[in-house]
Each structure stands twice: as structure tokens, then as C-alpha cells.
């Protein structure tokens, strides 16, 4: 049986490689805290970027980027806030939320995919 966590981990690694090719500096993979988890924390062009990776083998259940629901965005926002507080990043550093969507073998990057979500 296929372990979803292992499959997700593989696609997160592929997404990280893709982001490196796009000029991102990967700071952390699978950052976890009590508030939740962020797949990738990176820096790019003066931004601290929080990246959610979504994979679908095909579009039968919708496009992968559509799976980043408003509730998921709120969780990611809270985790990002906690990351900033605990990693001494000045609030002067602009933050951004990107989504890497993997559909089959195709990888697409959605920069600034959503805004910070209040609680």
C-alpha cells in the first residue's frame, strides 16, 4: 500500500529542487509547531516565503492548487506568524505565501498565491 506521507515527501523534495532552480534559497522543510505545518520555508528576492506543496496524479479531483482551502490558508498563516516570532525575523522582512502545484509530472509555481489570513 502507498503511504501518502512518503508520496507527499517525495513531491515536496521535487518542489524544493524546482524552487532552487527558480532562485529560491530553501531554509527549512516541513516546519512544524503546535499551530500546524508548512511544507517549505524559503527566501526569494528579499521575501521570506512560506510554500505549500500540493500533488495530484490527475485533475479528476480538481487542480492541486485548488486544494489550498481558506481553512488551510489560515493554518499556514498562523504557522508563518509563529515561525517569524521564533526565528528572530524582523517584521520588516516582507512575507509571501506561494503554492507549488504538481499535476502528474508538471510543476507549476503560484507566487503570492494568497494573502495572510486573520484568525
N, C-alpha and C. Protein backbone atom coordinates (compact mmCIF):
# COMPACT_ATOMS: atom_id res chain seq x y z
N UNK A 1 0.84 -1.20 0.00
CA UNK A 1 0.00 0.00 0.00
C UNK A 1 0.88 1.25 0.00
N UNK A 2 0.43 2.28 -0.69
CA UNK A 2 1.19 3.52 -0.80
C UNK A 2 0.95 4.39 0.43
N UNK A 3 2.06 4.84 1.02
CA UNK A 3 2.00 5.72 2.17
C UNK A 3 1.91 7.16 1.67
N UNK A 4 0.79 7.84 1.97
CA UNK A 4 0.58 9.20 1.47
C UNK A 4 1.66 10.16 1.96
N UNK A 5 2.12 9.95 3.19
CA UNK A 5 3.15 10.83 3.75
C UNK A 5 4.46 10.70 2.95
N UNK A 6 4.82 9.45 2.58
CA UNK A 6 6.03 9.23 1.79
C UNK A 6 5.89 9.86 0.41
N UNK A 7 4.73 9.67 -0.22
CA UNK A 7 4.49 10.25 -1.55
C UNK A 7 4.58 11.77 -1.45
N UNK A 8 3.93 12.34 -0.43
CA UNK A 8 3.98 13.78 -0.23
C UNK A 8 5.40 14.27 -0.03
N UNK A 9 6.17 13.53 0.74
CA UNK A 9 7.57 13.89 0.99
C UNK A 9 8.38 13.92 -0.29
N UNK A 10 8.14 12.95 -1.17
CA UNK A 10 8.86 12.91 -2.44
C UNK A 10 8.53 14.14 -3.30
N UNK A 11 7.26 14.49 -3.35
CA UNK A 11 6.87 15.65 -4.16
C UNK A 11 7.35 16.96 -3.53
N UNK A 12 7.42 17.00 -2.20
CA UNK A 12 7.97 18.19 -1.54
C UNK A 12 9.45 18.35 -1.88
N UNK A 13 10.18 17.23 -1.94
CA UNK A 13 11.60 17.30 -2.35
C UNK A 13 11.73 17.79 -3.78
N UNK A 14 10.89 17.27 -4.66
CA UNK A 14 10.92 17.71 -6.06
C UNK A 14 10.57 19.19 -6.16
N UNK A 15 9.59 19.62 -5.37
CA UNK A 15 9.20 21.03 -5.37
C UNK A 15 10.36 21.91 -4.88
N UNK A 16 11.07 21.44 -3.85
CA UNK A 16 12.21 22.20 -3.32
C UNK A 16 13.30 22.34 -4.38
N UNK A 17 13.56 21.27 -5.12
CA UNK A 17 14.55 21.33 -6.20
C UNK A 17 14.11 22.32 -7.28
N UNK A 18 12.84 22.27 -7.61
CA UNK A 18 12.29 23.19 -8.59
C UNK A 18 12.45 24.64 -8.11
N UNK A 19 12.14 24.89 -6.85
CA UNK A 19 12.27 26.24 -6.29
C UNK A 19 13.72 26.72 -6.32
N UNK A 20 14.66 25.82 -6.02
CA UNK A 20 16.08 26.18 -6.09
C UNK A 20 16.44 26.62 -7.50
N UNK A 21 15.93 25.90 -8.49
CA UNK A 21 16.18 26.26 -9.89
C UNK A 21 15.60 27.64 -10.23
N UNK A 22 14.55 28.02 -9.51
CA UNK A 22 13.90 29.33 -9.72
C UNK A 22 14.58 30.44 -8.91
N UNK A 23 15.64 30.08 -8.16
CA UNK A 23 16.38 31.08 -7.41
C UNK A 23 16.02 31.19 -5.93
N UNK A 24 15.20 30.30 -5.45
CA UNK A 24 14.83 30.31 -4.03
C UNK A 24 15.95 29.68 -3.20
N UNK A 25 16.11 30.18 -1.98
CA UNK A 25 17.01 29.56 -1.01
C UNK A 25 16.12 28.84 0.01
N UNK A 26 16.24 27.53 0.08
CA UNK A 26 15.42 26.74 0.99
C UNK A 26 15.99 26.87 2.40
N UNK A 27 15.18 27.35 3.32
CA UNK A 27 15.60 27.50 4.72
C UNK A 27 15.21 26.29 5.56
N UNK A 28 14.02 25.76 5.30
CA UNK A 28 13.54 24.64 6.10
C UNK A 28 12.45 23.88 5.36
N UNK A 29 12.47 22.56 5.56
CA UNK A 29 11.44 21.70 5.00
C UNK A 29 10.59 21.18 6.16
N UNK A 30 9.31 21.07 5.92
CA UNK A 30 8.37 20.51 6.91
C UNK A 30 8.52 21.15 8.29
N UNK A 31 8.38 22.46 8.33
CA UNK A 31 8.43 23.17 9.62
C UNK A 31 7.13 22.89 10.37
N UNK A 32 7.27 22.35 11.57
CA UNK A 32 6.10 22.01 12.39
C UNK A 32 6.14 22.75 13.72
N UNK A 33 4.96 23.13 14.17
CA UNK A 33 4.79 23.68 15.51
C UNK A 33 3.37 23.31 15.95
N UNK A 34 2.98 23.77 17.12
CA UNK A 34 1.65 23.42 17.61
C UNK A 34 0.53 23.92 16.70
N UNK A 35 0.79 25.02 16.01
CA UNK A 35 -0.23 25.60 15.14
C UNK A 35 -0.46 24.79 13.86
N UNK A 36 0.55 24.01 13.45
CA UNK A 36 0.41 23.23 12.23
C UNK A 36 1.75 23.03 11.54
N UNK A 37 1.72 22.95 10.21
CA UNK A 37 2.94 22.66 9.44
C UNK A 37 2.96 23.48 8.16
N UNK A 38 4.18 23.83 7.75
CA UNK A 38 4.41 24.46 6.45
C UNK A 38 5.40 23.56 5.71
N UNK A 39 5.10 23.27 4.46
CA UNK A 39 5.94 22.34 3.69
C UNK A 39 7.35 22.88 3.48
N UNK A 40 7.47 24.12 3.03
CA UNK A 40 8.78 24.70 2.73
C UNK A 40 8.83 26.15 3.19
N UNK A 41 9.91 26.51 3.87
CA UNK A 41 10.18 27.91 4.20
C UNK A 41 11.42 28.28 3.39
N UNK A 42 11.33 29.39 2.66
CA UNK A 42 12.42 29.78 1.76
C UNK A 42 12.58 31.29 1.74
N UNK A 43 13.66 31.72 1.09
CA UNK A 43 13.87 33.13 0.82
C UNK A 43 13.96 33.29 -0.69
N UNK A 44 13.37 34.40 -1.18
CA UNK A 44 13.44 34.67 -2.61
C UNK A 44 13.21 36.15 -2.83
N UNK A 45 14.18 36.77 -3.47
CA UNK A 45 14.04 38.18 -3.84
C UNK A 45 13.69 39.11 -2.69
N UNK A 46 14.30 38.92 -1.54
CA UNK A 46 14.03 39.79 -0.40
C UNK A 46 12.80 39.39 0.41
N UNK A 47 12.12 38.35 0.00
CA UNK A 47 10.93 37.88 0.71
C UNK A 47 11.24 36.61 1.51
N UNK A 48 10.58 36.49 2.64
CA UNK A 48 10.51 35.23 3.36
C UNK A 48 9.26 34.55 2.81
N UNK A 49 9.43 33.35 2.23
CA UNK A 49 8.32 32.72 1.51
C UNK A 49 7.92 31.42 2.19
N UNK A 50 6.62 31.29 2.42
CA UNK A 50 6.06 30.07 3.00
C UNK A 50 5.34 29.35 1.86
N UNK A 51 5.77 28.11 1.60
CA UNK A 51 5.31 27.39 0.41
C UNK A 51 4.51 26.15 0.80
N UNK A 52 3.33 26.04 0.23
CA UNK A 52 2.51 24.84 0.37
C UNK A 52 2.65 24.05 -0.92
N UNK A 53 2.90 22.74 -0.80
CA UNK A 53 3.04 21.87 -1.97
C UNK A 53 1.81 20.98 -2.05
N UNK A 54 1.18 20.95 -3.21
CA UNK A 54 0.01 20.08 -3.42
C UNK A 54 0.24 19.23 -4.65
N UNK A 55 -0.05 17.93 -4.52
CA UNK A 55 0.14 16.98 -5.61
C UNK A 55 -1.18 16.30 -5.97
N UNK A 56 -1.40 16.12 -7.24
CA UNK A 56 -2.49 15.30 -7.75
C UNK A 56 -1.93 14.51 -8.93
N UNK A 57 -2.30 13.24 -9.01
CA UNK A 57 -1.82 12.43 -10.14
C UNK A 57 -2.54 12.83 -11.43
N UNK A 58 -3.81 13.29 -11.30
CA UNK A 58 -4.56 13.80 -12.44
C UNK A 58 -5.57 14.82 -11.93
N UNK A 59 -6.27 15.46 -12.84
CA UNK A 59 -7.19 16.54 -12.43
C UNK A 59 -8.60 16.04 -12.12
N UNK A 60 -8.77 14.73 -11.99
CA UNK A 60 -10.08 14.16 -11.71
C UNK A 60 -10.73 14.69 -10.44
N UNK A 61 -9.93 15.00 -9.45
CA UNK A 61 -10.45 15.55 -8.19
C UNK A 61 -10.16 17.04 -8.08
N UNK A 62 -9.94 17.69 -9.21
CA UNK A 62 -9.64 19.12 -9.22
C UNK A 62 -8.15 19.37 -9.34
N UNK A 63 -7.82 20.63 -9.56
CA UNK A 63 -6.43 21.02 -9.71
C UNK A 63 -5.77 21.08 -8.32
N UNK A 64 -4.48 20.74 -8.24
CA UNK A 64 -3.84 20.71 -6.92
C UNK A 64 -3.89 22.04 -6.18
N UNK A 65 -3.71 23.16 -6.89
CA UNK A 65 -3.70 24.45 -6.22
C UNK A 65 -5.05 24.79 -5.58
N UNK A 66 -6.12 24.17 -6.10
CA UNK A 66 -7.46 24.41 -5.54
C UNK A 66 -7.63 23.76 -4.16
N UNK A 67 -6.72 22.86 -3.81
CA UNK A 67 -6.82 22.15 -2.53
C UNK A 67 -6.32 22.99 -1.35
N UNK A 68 -5.79 24.18 -1.62
CA UNK A 68 -5.34 25.06 -0.54
C UNK A 68 -6.54 25.92 -0.14
N UNK A 69 -7.38 25.33 0.71
CA UNK A 69 -8.64 25.95 1.12
C UNK A 69 -8.39 27.15 2.03
N UNK A 70 -9.44 27.90 2.30
CA UNK A 70 -9.30 29.06 3.20
C UNK A 70 -8.91 28.62 4.61
N UNK A 71 -9.41 27.47 5.06
CA UNK A 71 -9.01 26.99 6.40
C UNK A 71 -7.53 26.60 6.40
N UNK A 72 -7.05 25.99 5.32
CA UNK A 72 -5.63 25.65 5.20
C UNK A 72 -4.80 26.93 5.15
N UNK A 73 -5.29 27.95 4.46
CA UNK A 73 -4.58 29.23 4.40
C UNK A 73 -4.46 29.86 5.79
N UNK A 74 -5.52 29.74 6.60
CA UNK A 74 -5.46 30.28 7.97
C UNK A 74 -4.42 29.54 8.80
N UNK A 75 -4.37 28.21 8.67
CA UNK A 75 -3.37 27.42 9.40
C UNK A 75 -1.96 27.84 8.97
N UNK A 76 -1.72 27.92 7.67
CA UNK A 76 -0.41 28.30 7.16
C UNK A 76 -0.04 29.70 7.66
N UNK A 77 -0.99 30.61 7.68
CA UNK A 77 -0.75 31.97 8.16
C UNK A 77 -0.33 31.97 9.63
N UNK A 78 -1.02 31.17 10.46
CA UNK A 78 -0.67 31.10 11.89
C UNK A 78 0.72 30.50 12.09
N UNK A 79 1.03 29.45 11.33
CA UNK A 79 2.35 28.82 11.44
C UNK A 79 3.43 29.80 10.99
N UNK A 80 3.17 30.54 9.92
CA UNK A 80 4.13 31.53 9.42
C UNK A 80 4.38 32.60 10.47
N UNK A 81 3.32 33.05 11.12
CA UNK A 81 3.45 34.06 12.17
C UNK A 81 4.33 33.53 13.31
N UNK A 82 4.09 32.29 13.70
CA UNK A 82 4.88 31.67 14.77
C UNK A 82 6.33 31.52 14.33
N UNK A 83 6.55 31.11 13.10
CA UNK A 83 7.92 30.96 12.58
C UNK A 83 8.65 32.30 12.68
N UNK A 84 8.00 33.35 12.26
CA UNK A 84 8.63 34.68 12.31
C UNK A 84 8.97 35.08 13.74
N UNK A 85 8.06 34.81 14.66
CA UNK A 85 8.30 35.16 16.07
C UNK A 85 9.46 34.37 16.68
N UNK A 86 9.57 33.11 16.32
CA UNK A 86 10.56 32.24 16.95
C UNK A 86 11.90 32.20 16.24
N UNK A 87 11.96 32.71 15.02
CA UNK A 87 13.22 32.67 14.27
C UNK A 87 13.84 34.05 14.11
N UNK A 88 13.43 34.97 14.98
CA UNK A 88 14.02 36.30 15.05
C UNK A 88 14.01 37.04 13.73
N UNK A 89 13.05 36.74 12.90
CA UNK A 89 12.94 37.50 11.65
C UNK A 89 12.20 38.78 11.97
N UNK A 90 12.81 39.86 11.66
CA UNK A 90 12.19 41.16 11.87
C UNK A 90 10.88 41.20 11.10
N UNK A 91 9.92 41.87 11.66
CA UNK A 91 8.65 42.02 10.96
C UNK A 91 8.83 42.95 9.75
N UNK A 92 10.02 43.50 9.60
CA UNK A 92 10.32 44.36 8.45
C UNK A 92 10.50 43.53 7.18
N UNK A 93 10.81 42.24 7.34
CA UNK A 93 11.01 41.38 6.17
C UNK A 93 9.64 41.03 5.61
N UNK A 94 9.42 41.36 4.34
CA UNK A 94 8.11 41.03 3.77
C UNK A 94 7.97 39.51 3.60
N UNK A 95 6.76 39.04 3.86
CA UNK A 95 6.47 37.61 3.73
C UNK A 95 5.49 37.41 2.59
N UNK A 96 5.54 36.21 2.04
CA UNK A 96 4.68 35.87 0.91
C UNK A 96 4.28 34.40 1.05
N UNK A 97 3.13 34.07 0.50
CA UNK A 97 2.65 32.69 0.52
C UNK A 97 2.54 32.19 -0.92
N UNK A 98 3.35 31.18 -1.24
CA UNK A 98 3.35 30.58 -2.57
C UNK A 98 2.78 29.17 -2.50
N UNK A 99 2.30 28.70 -3.64
CA UNK A 99 1.84 27.32 -3.76
C UNK A 99 2.57 26.69 -4.93
N UNK A 100 3.12 25.49 -4.70
CA UNK A 100 3.67 24.70 -5.80
C UNK A 100 2.67 23.58 -6.05
N UNK A 101 2.12 23.58 -7.27
CA UNK A 101 1.13 22.58 -7.65
C UNK A 101 1.79 21.56 -8.58
N UNK A 102 1.68 20.30 -8.21
CA UNK A 102 2.24 19.23 -9.03
C UNK A 102 1.07 18.40 -9.56
N UNK A 103 0.93 18.40 -10.87
CA UNK A 103 -0.13 17.63 -11.52
C UNK A 103 0.56 16.62 -12.43
N UNK A 104 0.54 15.35 -12.00
CA UNK A 104 1.29 14.33 -12.73
C UNK A 104 2.76 14.67 -12.66
N UNK A 105 3.38 14.96 -13.79
CA UNK A 105 4.81 15.32 -13.83
C UNK A 105 5.02 16.83 -13.97
N UNK A 106 3.93 17.58 -14.15
CA UNK A 106 4.04 19.03 -14.36
C UNK A 106 4.08 19.77 -13.03
N UNK A 107 5.03 20.69 -12.90
CA UNK A 107 5.15 21.50 -11.68
C UNK A 107 4.86 22.95 -12.05
N UNK A 108 3.96 23.58 -11.30
CA UNK A 108 3.63 24.99 -11.51
C UNK A 108 3.79 25.75 -10.20
N UNK A 109 4.36 26.93 -10.31
CA UNK A 109 4.56 27.79 -9.15
C UNK A 109 3.56 28.93 -9.19
N UNK A 110 2.86 29.12 -8.09
CA UNK A 110 1.94 30.24 -7.94
C UNK A 110 2.52 31.17 -6.88
N UNK A 111 3.19 32.23 -7.33
CA UNK A 111 3.76 33.21 -6.40
C UNK A 111 2.63 34.04 -5.81
N UNK A 112 2.76 34.35 -4.53
CA UNK A 112 1.77 35.19 -3.87
C UNK A 112 0.37 34.61 -4.08
N UNK A 113 0.24 33.31 -3.85
CA UNK A 113 -0.99 32.58 -4.13
C UNK A 113 -2.16 33.04 -3.25
N UNK A 114 -1.84 33.49 -2.03
CA UNK A 114 -2.89 34.01 -1.14
C UNK A 114 -2.27 34.99 -0.16
N UNK A 115 -3.12 35.80 0.42
CA UNK A 115 -2.70 36.79 1.40
C UNK A 115 -2.76 36.19 2.80
N UNK A 116 -2.07 36.82 3.75
CA UNK A 116 -2.14 36.41 5.15
C UNK A 116 -3.59 36.39 5.57
N UNK A 117 -3.99 35.32 6.25
CA UNK A 117 -5.37 35.15 6.69
C UNK A 117 -5.48 35.37 8.20
N UNK A 118 -6.34 36.30 8.58
CA UNK A 118 -6.59 36.53 10.01
C UNK A 118 -7.25 35.29 10.59
N UNK A 119 -7.19 35.18 11.88
CA UNK A 119 -7.77 34.01 12.58
C UNK A 119 -9.24 33.85 12.32
